[in-house]
C-alpha atoms as a PDB file:
ATOM      1  CA  UNK A   1     -96.501  81.073  82.470  1.00  0.00           C
ATOM      2  CA  UNK A   2     -96.662  84.531  84.124  1.00  0.00           C
ATOM      3  CA  UNK A   3    -100.413  84.551  83.726  1.00  0.00           C
ATOM      4  CA  UNK A   4    -100.719  81.242  85.434  1.00  0.00           C
ATOM      5  CA  UNK A   5     -98.830  82.421  88.523  1.00  0.00           C
ATOM      6  CA  UNK A   6    -100.932  85.653  88.681  1.00  0.00           C
ATOM      7  CA  UNK A   7    -104.041  83.377  88.651  1.00  0.00           C
ATOM      8  CA  UNK A   8    -102.577  81.231  91.507  1.00  0.00           C
ATOM      9  CA  UNK A   9    -101.869  84.462  93.478  1.00  0.00           C
ATOM     10  CA  UNK A  10    -105.454  85.628  92.995  1.00  0.00           C
ATOM     11  CA  UNK A  11    -106.955  82.213  93.928  1.00  0.00           C
ATOM     12  CA  UNK A  12    -104.653  82.020  97.060  1.00  0.00           C
ATOM     13  CA  UNK A  13    -105.912  85.625  98.104  1.00  0.00           C
ATOM     14  CA  UNK A  14    -109.596  84.174  97.917  1.00  0.00           C
ATOM     15  CA  UNK A  15    -108.651  81.175 100.017  1.00  0.00           C
ATOM     16  CA  UNK A  16    -106.931  83.191 102.852  1.00  0.00           C
ATOM     17  CA  UNK A  17    -109.089  85.471 104.726  1.00  0.00           C
ATOM     18  CA  UNK A  18    -106.664  88.218 106.228  1.00  0.00           C
ATOM     19  CA  UNK A  19    -104.149  85.687 107.559  1.00  0.00           C
ATOM     20  CA  UNK A  20    -100.460  86.505 107.373  1.00  0.00           C
ATOM     21  CA  UNK A  21     -99.527  82.884 108.113  1.00  0.00           C
ATOM     22  CA  UNK A  22    -100.891  81.452 104.908  1.00  0.00           C
ATOM     23  CA  UNK A  23    -103.869  79.126 104.272  1.00  0.00           C
ATOM     24  CA  UNK A  24    -105.373  77.585 107.452  1.00  0.00           C
ATOM     25  CA  UNK A  25    -107.328  74.372 107.332  1.00  0.00           C
ATOM     26  CA  UNK A  26    -110.486  76.299 108.553  1.00  0.00           C
ATOM     27  CA  UNK A  27    -110.199  78.808 105.729  1.00  0.00           C
ATOM     28  CA  UNK A  28    -109.592  76.027 103.271  1.00  0.00           C
ATOM     29  CA  UNK A  29    -112.823  74.163 104.430  1.00  0.00           C
ATOM     30  CA  UNK A  30    -114.840  77.463 104.426  1.00  0.00           C
ATOM     31  CA  UNK A  31    -113.755  78.170 100.910  1.00  0.00           C
ATOM     32  CA  UNK A  32    -114.590  74.625  99.627  1.00  0.00           C
ATOM     33  CA  UNK A  33    -118.048  75.008 101.058  1.00  0.00           C
ATOM     34  CA  UNK A  34    -118.717  77.756  98.607  1.00  0.00           C
ATOM     35  CA  UNK A  35    -117.607  75.644  95.608  1.00  0.00           C
ATOM     36  CA  UNK A  36    -118.579  72.371  94.002  1.00  0.00           C
ATOM     37  CA  UNK A  37    -115.311  70.955  95.130  1.00  0.00           C
ATOM     38  CA  UNK A  38    -115.269  68.201  97.756  1.00  0.00           C
ATOM     39  CA  UNK A  39    -112.479  66.827  99.884  1.00  0.00           C
ATOM     40  CA  UNK A  40    -112.464  64.077 102.690  1.00  0.00           C
ATOM     41  CA  UNK A  41    -111.217  66.011 105.705  1.00  0.00           C
ATOM     42  CA  UNK A  42    -109.603  62.811 107.085  1.00  0.00           C
ATOM     43  CA  UNK A  43    -107.671  62.094 103.803  1.00  0.00           C
ATOM     44  CA  UNK A  44    -104.022  61.664 103.492  1.00  0.00           C
ATOM     45  CA  UNK A  45    -104.170  64.722 101.186  1.00  0.00           C
ATOM     46  CA  UNK A  46    -105.493  66.923 104.095  1.00  0.00           C
ATOM     47  CA  UNK A  47    -102.938  65.415 106.466  1.00  0.00           C
ATOM     48  CA  UNK A  48    -100.060  66.018 104.050  1.00  0.00           C
ATOM     49  CA  UNK A  49    -100.781  69.731 103.597  1.00  0.00           C
ATOM     50  CA  UNK A  50    -102.316  70.689 107.124  1.00  0.00           C
ATOM     51  CA  UNK A  51    -100.775  68.111 109.359  1.00  0.00           C
ATOM     52  CA  UNK A  52    -102.314  65.323 111.391  1.00  0.00           C
ATOM     53  CA  UNK A  53    -104.010  67.793 113.793  1.00  0.00           C
ATOM     54  CA  UNK A  54    -104.665  70.325 110.836  1.00  0.00           C
ATOM     55  CA  UNK A  55    -102.754  73.089 112.517  1.00  0.00           C
ATOM     56  CA  UNK A  56    -100.230  73.605 109.786  1.00  0.00           C
ATOM     57  CA  UNK A  57    -100.670  76.547 107.352  1.00  0.00           C
ATOM     58  CA  UNK A  58    -100.072  76.341 103.540  1.00  0.00           C
ATOM     59  CA  UNK A  59     -97.963  79.158 102.231  1.00  0.00           C
ATOM     60  CA  UNK A  60     -98.092  80.582  98.657  1.00  0.00           C
ATOM     61  CA  UNK A  61     -95.132  78.393  97.470  1.00  0.00           C
ATOM     62  CA  UNK A  62     -97.102  75.189  98.330  1.00  0.00           C
ATOM     63  CA  UNK A  63    -100.467  76.454  97.099  1.00  0.00           C
ATOM     64  CA  UNK A  64    -100.189  75.564  93.413  1.00  0.00           C
ATOM     65  CA  UNK A  65     -99.388  72.037  94.300  1.00  0.00           C
ATOM     66  CA  UNK A  66    -102.213  71.995  96.909  1.00  0.00           C
ATOM     67  CA  UNK A  67    -104.587  73.066  94.096  1.00  0.00           C
ATOM     68  CA  UNK A  68    -103.463  70.293  91.718  1.00  0.00           C
ATOM     69  CA  UNK A  69    -103.883  67.801  94.628  1.00  0.00           C
ATOM     70  CA  UNK A  70    -107.264  69.117  95.383  1.00  0.00           C
ATOM     71  CA  UNK A  71    -108.471  68.513  91.747  1.00  0.00           C
ATOM     72  CA  UNK A  72    -107.100  64.932  91.978  1.00  0.00           C
ATOM     73  CA  UNK A  73    -108.754  64.374  95.363  1.00  0.00           C
ATOM     74  CA  UNK A  74    -112.077  65.785  94.014  1.00  0.00           C
ATOM     75  CA  UNK A  75    -111.929  63.381  91.022  1.00  0.00           C
ATOM     76  CA  UNK A  76    -111.086  60.428  93.278  1.00  0.00           C
ATOM     77  CA  UNK A  77    -114.036  61.213  95.693  1.00  0.00           C
ATOM     78  CA  UNK A  78    -116.458  61.621  92.684  1.00  0.00           C
ATOM     79  CA  UNK A  79    -115.296  58.279  91.207  1.00  0.00           C
ATOM     80  CA  UNK A  80    -115.739  56.558  94.678  1.00  0.00           C
ATOM     81  CA  UNK A  81    -119.322  58.040  94.851  1.00  0.00           C
ATOM     82  CA  UNK A  82    -120.167  56.766  91.347  1.00  0.00           C
ATOM     83  CA  UNK A  83    -118.703  53.293  92.129  1.00  0.00           C
ATOM     84  CA  UNK A  84    -121.689  52.280  94.223  1.00  0.00           C
ATOM     85  CA  UNK A  85    -120.807  48.477  93.862  1.00  0.00           C
ATOM     86  CA  UNK A  86    -117.113  48.834  94.808  1.00  0.00           C
ATOM     87  CA  UNK A  87    -116.027  47.198  91.551  1.00  0.00           C
ATOM     88  CA  UNK A  88    -113.489  49.812  90.491  1.00  0.00           C
ATOM     89  CA  UNK A  89    -115.347  50.585  87.415  1.00  0.00           C
ATOM     90  CA  UNK A  90    -117.863  53.364  86.625  1.00  0.00           C
ATOM     91  CA  UNK A  91    -120.048  54.044  83.594  1.00  0.00           C
ATOM     92  CA  UNK A  92    -118.869  56.148  80.750  1.00  0.00           C
ATOM     93  CA  UNK A  93    -121.432  58.664  81.523  1.00  0.00           C
ATOM     94  CA  UNK A  94    -120.345  59.000  85.167  1.00  0.00           C
ATOM     95  CA  UNK A  95    -116.635  59.390  83.898  1.00  0.00           C
ATOM     96  CA  UNK A  96    -117.582  62.029  81.405  1.00  0.00           C
ATOM     97  CA  UNK A  97    -119.501  63.909  84.237  1.00  0.00           C
ATOM     98  CA  UNK A  98    -116.275  63.656  86.397  1.00  0.00           C
ATOM     99  CA  UNK A  99    -113.994  64.861  83.783  1.00  0.00           C
ATOM    100  CA  UNK A 100    -116.140  67.894  83.101  1.00  0.00           C
ATOM    101  CA  UNK A 101    -116.361  69.123  86.594  1.00  0.00           C
END
């Protein structure tokens, strides 16, 4: 468990760029732009962590939960992108691709 928290601390330091207030929305978006992760910036997920006006900072104690939520949000976005006919279903191949991301 200790290793997991060290990993979270390392990833947190990658996301924040010199801020002492925690992770800002702009740093969050800048970091995501350098990954294959996607996030709808108007989603409830973003509003929950950064506030309606995106002015709130996420501190280290909230960061592990933010990462878990980001993974779920990314999977949701990928599912929606694959469900082109809005049926609520995707192919097995698309599901497999999403899971392996």
